[in-house]
Structures are given as structure tokens and as C-alpha cells.
C-alpha atoms as a PDB file:
ATOM      1  CA  MET A   1      76.714 116.517  47.405  1.00  0.00           C
ATOM      2  CA  GLU A   2      79.573 118.924  46.940  1.00  0.00           C
ATOM      3  CA  THR A   3      77.936 121.502  49.204  1.00  0.00           C
ATOM      4  CA  PHE A   4      77.466 118.977  51.952  1.00  0.00           C
ATOM      5  CA  GLU A   5      81.191 118.069  51.816  1.00  0.00           C
ATOM      6  CA  MET A   6      82.221 121.723  51.975  1.00  0.00           C
ATOM      7  CA  ILE A   7      80.027 122.323  55.021  1.00  0.00           C
ATOM      8  CA  ALA A   8      81.379 119.197  56.743  1.00  0.00           C
ATOM      9  CA  MET A   9      84.994 120.208  56.008  1.00  0.00           C
ATOM     10  CA  GLY A  10      84.355 123.762  57.258  1.00  0.00           C
ATOM     11  CA  THR A  11      82.762 122.414  60.440  1.00  0.00           C
ATOM     12  CA  ALA A  12      85.672 120.024  60.995  1.00  0.00           C
ATOM     13  CA  LEU A  13      88.141 122.893  60.511  1.00  0.00           C
ATOM     14  CA  VAL A  14      86.281 125.082  63.036  1.00  0.00           C
ATOM     15  CA  LEU A  15      86.190 122.217  65.566  1.00  0.00           C
ATOM     16  CA  MET A  16      89.958 121.622  65.146  1.00  0.00           C
ATOM     17  CA  PHE A  17      90.736 125.291  65.800  1.00  0.00           C
ATOM     18  CA  GLY A  18      88.379 125.200  68.793  1.00  0.00           C
ATOM     19  CA  ASP A  19      90.219 122.161  70.152  1.00  0.00           C
ATOM     20  CA  ILE A  20      93.579 123.914  69.756  1.00  0.00           C
ATOM     21  CA  GLY A  21      92.202 127.008  71.503  1.00  0.00           C
ATOM     22  CA  ALA A  22      90.878 124.902  74.398  1.00  0.00           C
ATOM     23  CA  LYS A  23      94.255 123.200  74.811  1.00  0.00           C
ATOM     24  CA  VAL A  24      96.063 126.558  74.864  1.00  0.00           C
ATOM     25  CA  ALA A  25      93.618 127.936  77.458  1.00  0.00           C
ATOM     26  CA  ALA A  26      93.970 124.822  79.640  1.00  0.00           C
ATOM     27  CA  THR A  27      97.765 125.032  79.451  1.00  0.00           C
ATOM     28  CA  GLN A  28      97.689 128.677  80.547  1.00  0.00           C
ATOM     29  CA  LEU A  29      95.377 127.855  83.468  1.00  0.00           C
ATOM     30  CA  ILE A  30      97.642 125.008  84.586  1.00  0.00           C
ATOM     31  CA  ALA A  31     100.712 127.249  84.412  1.00  0.00           C
ATOM     32  CA  ARG A  32      98.939 129.928  86.476  1.00  0.00           C
ATOM     33  CA  MET A  33      97.872 127.364  89.090  1.00  0.00           C
ATOM     34  CA  ASN A  34     101.397 125.941  89.307  1.00  0.00           C
ATOM     35  CA  HIS A  35     102.703 129.459  89.937  1.00  0.00           C
ATOM     36  CA  GLN A  36     100.121 129.984  92.705  1.00  0.00           C
ATOM     37  CA  VAL A  37     100.951 126.617  94.300  1.00  0.00           C
ATOM     38  CA  SER A  38     104.670 127.388  94.342  1.00  0.00           C
ATOM     39  CA  HIS A  39     103.961 130.809  95.871  1.00  0.00           C
ATOM     40  CA  VAL A  40     101.797 129.263  98.625  1.00  0.00           C
ATOM     41  CA  SER A  41     104.405 126.562  99.260  1.00  0.00           C
ATOM     42  CA  GLN A  42     107.147 129.158  99.643  1.00  0.00           C
ATOM     43  CA  ALA A  43     105.006 131.194 102.068  1.00  0.00           C
ATOM     44  CA  ARG A  44     104.257 128.027 104.041  1.00  0.00           C
ATOM     45  CA  GLN A  45     107.955 127.209 104.358  1.00  0.00           C
ATOM     46  CA  GLU A  46     108.680 130.723 105.618  1.00  0.00           C
ATOM     47  CA  VAL A  47     105.927 130.505 108.232  1.00  0.00           C
ATOM     48  CA  LEU A  48     107.100 127.063 109.381  1.00  0.00           C
ATOM     49  CA  GLY A  49     110.624 128.422 109.781  1.00  0.00           C
ATOM     50  CA  GLN A  50     109.329 131.304 111.894  1.00  0.00           C
ATOM     51  CA  LEU A  51     107.278 128.890 113.998  1.00  0.00           C
ATOM     52  CA  LYS A  52     110.280 126.652 114.663  1.00  0.00           C
ATOM     53  CA  ALA A  53     112.377 129.664 115.637  1.00  0.00           C
ATOM     54  CA  ALA A  54     109.659 130.837 118.020  1.00  0.00           C
ATOM     55  CA  GLN A  55     109.362 127.381 119.587  1.00  0.00           C
ATOM     56  CA  LYS A  56     113.129 127.163 120.082  1.00  0.00           C
ATOM     57  CA  SER A  57     113.304 130.561 121.754  1.00  0.00           C
ATOM     58  CA  LYS A  58     110.326 129.664 123.952  1.00  0.00           C
ATOM     59  CA  SER A  59     111.894 126.341 124.996  1.00  0.00           C
ATOM     60  CA  ARG A  60     115.162 128.131 125.829  1.00  0.00           C
ATOM     61  CA  ARG A  61     113.298 130.574 128.049  1.00  0.00           C
ATOM     62  CA  ARG A  62     111.358 127.741 129.667  1.00  0.00           C
ATOM     63  CA  ALA A  63     114.505 125.674 130.221  1.00  0.00           C
ATOM     64  CA  GLN A  64     115.991 128.361 132.491  1.00  0.00           C
ATOM     65  CA  PRO A  65     113.424 129.424 135.110  1.00  0.00           C
ATOM     66  CA  ALA A  66     113.951 132.952 136.327  1.00  0.00           C
ATOM     67  CA  THR A  67     113.162 132.270 139.982  1.00  0.00           C
ATOM     68  CA  ASP A  68     112.977 129.454 142.493  1.00  0.00           C
ATOM     69  CA  LEU A  69     109.217 129.898 142.564  1.00  0.00           C
ATOM     70  CA  GLU A  70     108.989 129.138 138.827  1.00  0.00           C
ATOM     71  CA  GLN A  71     111.258 126.113 139.317  1.00  0.00           C
ATOM     72  CA  GLU A  72     109.008 124.862 142.101  1.00  0.00           C
ATOM     73  CA  GLY A  73     105.911 125.328 139.926  1.00  0.00           C
ATOM     74  CA  GLN A  74     107.539 123.497 137.037  1.00  0.00           C
ATOM     75  CA  ASN A  75     108.556 120.607 139.326  1.00  0.00           C
ATOM     76  CA  ARG A  76     105.014 120.424 140.695  1.00  0.00           C
ATOM     77  CA  LYS A  77     103.583 120.233 137.164  1.00  0.00           C
ATOM     78  CA  GLU A  78     106.022 117.470 136.225  1.00  0.00           C
ATOM     79  CA  ASN A  79     105.147 115.523 139.387  1.00  0.00           C
ATOM     80  CA  VAL A  80     101.417 115.811 138.698  1.00  0.00           C
ATOM     81  CA  ALA A  81     101.920 114.661 135.103  1.00  0.00           C
ATOM     82  CA  ALA A  82     104.011 111.676 136.253  1.00  0.00           C
ATOM     83  CA  LYS A  83     101.374 110.745 138.858  1.00  0.00           C
ATOM     84  CA  LYS A  84      98.644 110.881 136.202  1.00  0.00           C
ATOM     85  CA  ARG A  85     100.676 108.582 133.922  1.00  0.00           C
ATOM     86  CA  ILE A  86     101.223 106.107 136.766  1.00  0.00           C
ATOM     87  CA  ASP A  87      97.524 106.149 137.727  1.00  0.00           C
ATOM     88  CA  ARG A  88      96.496 105.608 134.111  1.00  0.00           C
ATOM     89  CA  THR A  89      98.898 102.672 133.757  1.00  0.00           C
ATOM     90  CA  GLN A  90      97.637 101.085 136.985  1.00  0.00           C
ATOM     91  CA  ARG A  91      94.019 101.551 135.885  1.00  0.00           C
ATOM     92  CA  GLN A  92      94.771  99.911 132.518  1.00  0.00           C
ATOM     93  CA  ARG A  93      96.509  97.012 134.274  1.00  0.00           C
ATOM     94  CA  ARG A  94      93.495  96.459 136.573  1.00  0.00           C
ATOM     95  CA  ILE A  95      91.131  96.493 133.583  1.00  0.00           C
ATOM     96  CA  ALA A  96      93.311  93.985 131.707  1.00  0.00           C
ATOM     97  CA  GLN A  97      93.446  91.689 134.755  1.00  0.00           C
ATOM     98  CA  ALA A  98      89.675  91.863 135.186  1.00  0.00           C
ATOM     99  CA  ALA A  99      89.163  91.048 131.511  1.00  0.00           C
ATOM    100  CA  GLN A 100      91.542  88.111 131.793  1.00  0.00           C
ATOM    101  CA  ARG A 101      89.728  86.774 134.897  1.00  0.00           C
ATOM    102  CA  HIS A 102      86.412  87.164 133.108  1.00  0.00           C
ATOM    103  CA  SER A 103      87.621  85.284 130.033  1.00  0.00           C
ATOM    104  CA  GLN A 104      89.085  82.495 132.195  1.00  0.00           C
ATOM    105  CA  SER A 105      85.805  82.081 134.079  1.00  0.00           C
ATOM    106  CA  ARG A 106      84.023  81.468 130.786  1.00  0.00           C
ATOM    107  CA  ILE A 107      86.396  78.659 129.710  1.00  0.00           C
ATOM    108  CA  LYS A 108      84.958  75.152 130.154  1.00  0.00           C
ATOM    109  CA  LYS A 109      86.808  73.232 132.827  1.00  0.00           C
ATOM    110  CA  PRO A 110      87.206  69.416 132.683  1.00  0.00           C
ATOM    111  CA  GLY A 111      84.117  67.698 134.034  1.00  0.00           C
ATOM    112  CA  GLN A 112      82.043  70.853 133.837  1.00  0.00           C
ATOM    113  CA  ARG A 113      78.680  70.556 132.154  1.00  0.00           C
ATOM    114  CA  VAL A 114      77.732  73.146 129.616  1.00  0.00           C
ATOM    115  CA  PRO A 115      74.106  74.281 129.779  1.00  0.00           C
ATOM    116  CA  VAL A 116      72.152  73.699 126.618  1.00  0.00           C
ATOM    117  CA  PHE A 117      69.377  76.116 125.772  1.00  0.00           C
ATOM    118  CA  LEU A 118      66.721  74.906 123.372  1.00  0.00           C
END
């Protein structure tokens, strides 16, 4: 009986040290991953800052056309975009009106008989 207890105690001791080792290894892995995440986050912030700066400089250049020809082209693009928005709005309005007429035609009017299908 005494041998069995010694083996069980030795096994329990080995398992406890194994558990401690696993916790230490997991903690080191988590710390390494946190370091990598912070590094990637910092790089992302730098790239976003560069992107914003590039967009600002591009919008400044676009805001001041170099020639009258560029101004005319920009005005033409804006007019085409506005016309497309107006056409889309009118098309949506016509669809909504048609749907409303269709739903009103399906409403039972007073004195109207409803067909019964058996």
C-alpha cells in the first residue's frame, strides 16, 4: 500500500510541475502576441496617417484646376452625376406610385363582390 501512495504522490507532483510549466509557456505566448498586435497597430496608424495626408494633398490639387479645360471637364462630370441622381429619384418615385396604384386596386371597394375559389 505504501508503494502505491508513493507512486501516486510522485505522479501528482509531476503533474503539478507540468501544469506550472504550461501556464508559464502560455503566459509567454500571450505576451509575445500582445507585442506583435501592438506593433501591427502602430504600423496601421502610421499608414492611415500617410493615407489621410495623401488624400488631403490630392483634394487640394483637385480643388484648384490648372486650366479652363480641366474646370470644364469637372463641371461636366458634376452635371452628369447630378442628372443621374435626378433620374434615379424620378425612377424610384414612378415605381413607388405604380406600387401604390397596384395595392389600391387590390383593396375591396364597398359593394364589390370578392370571388371565392373552392
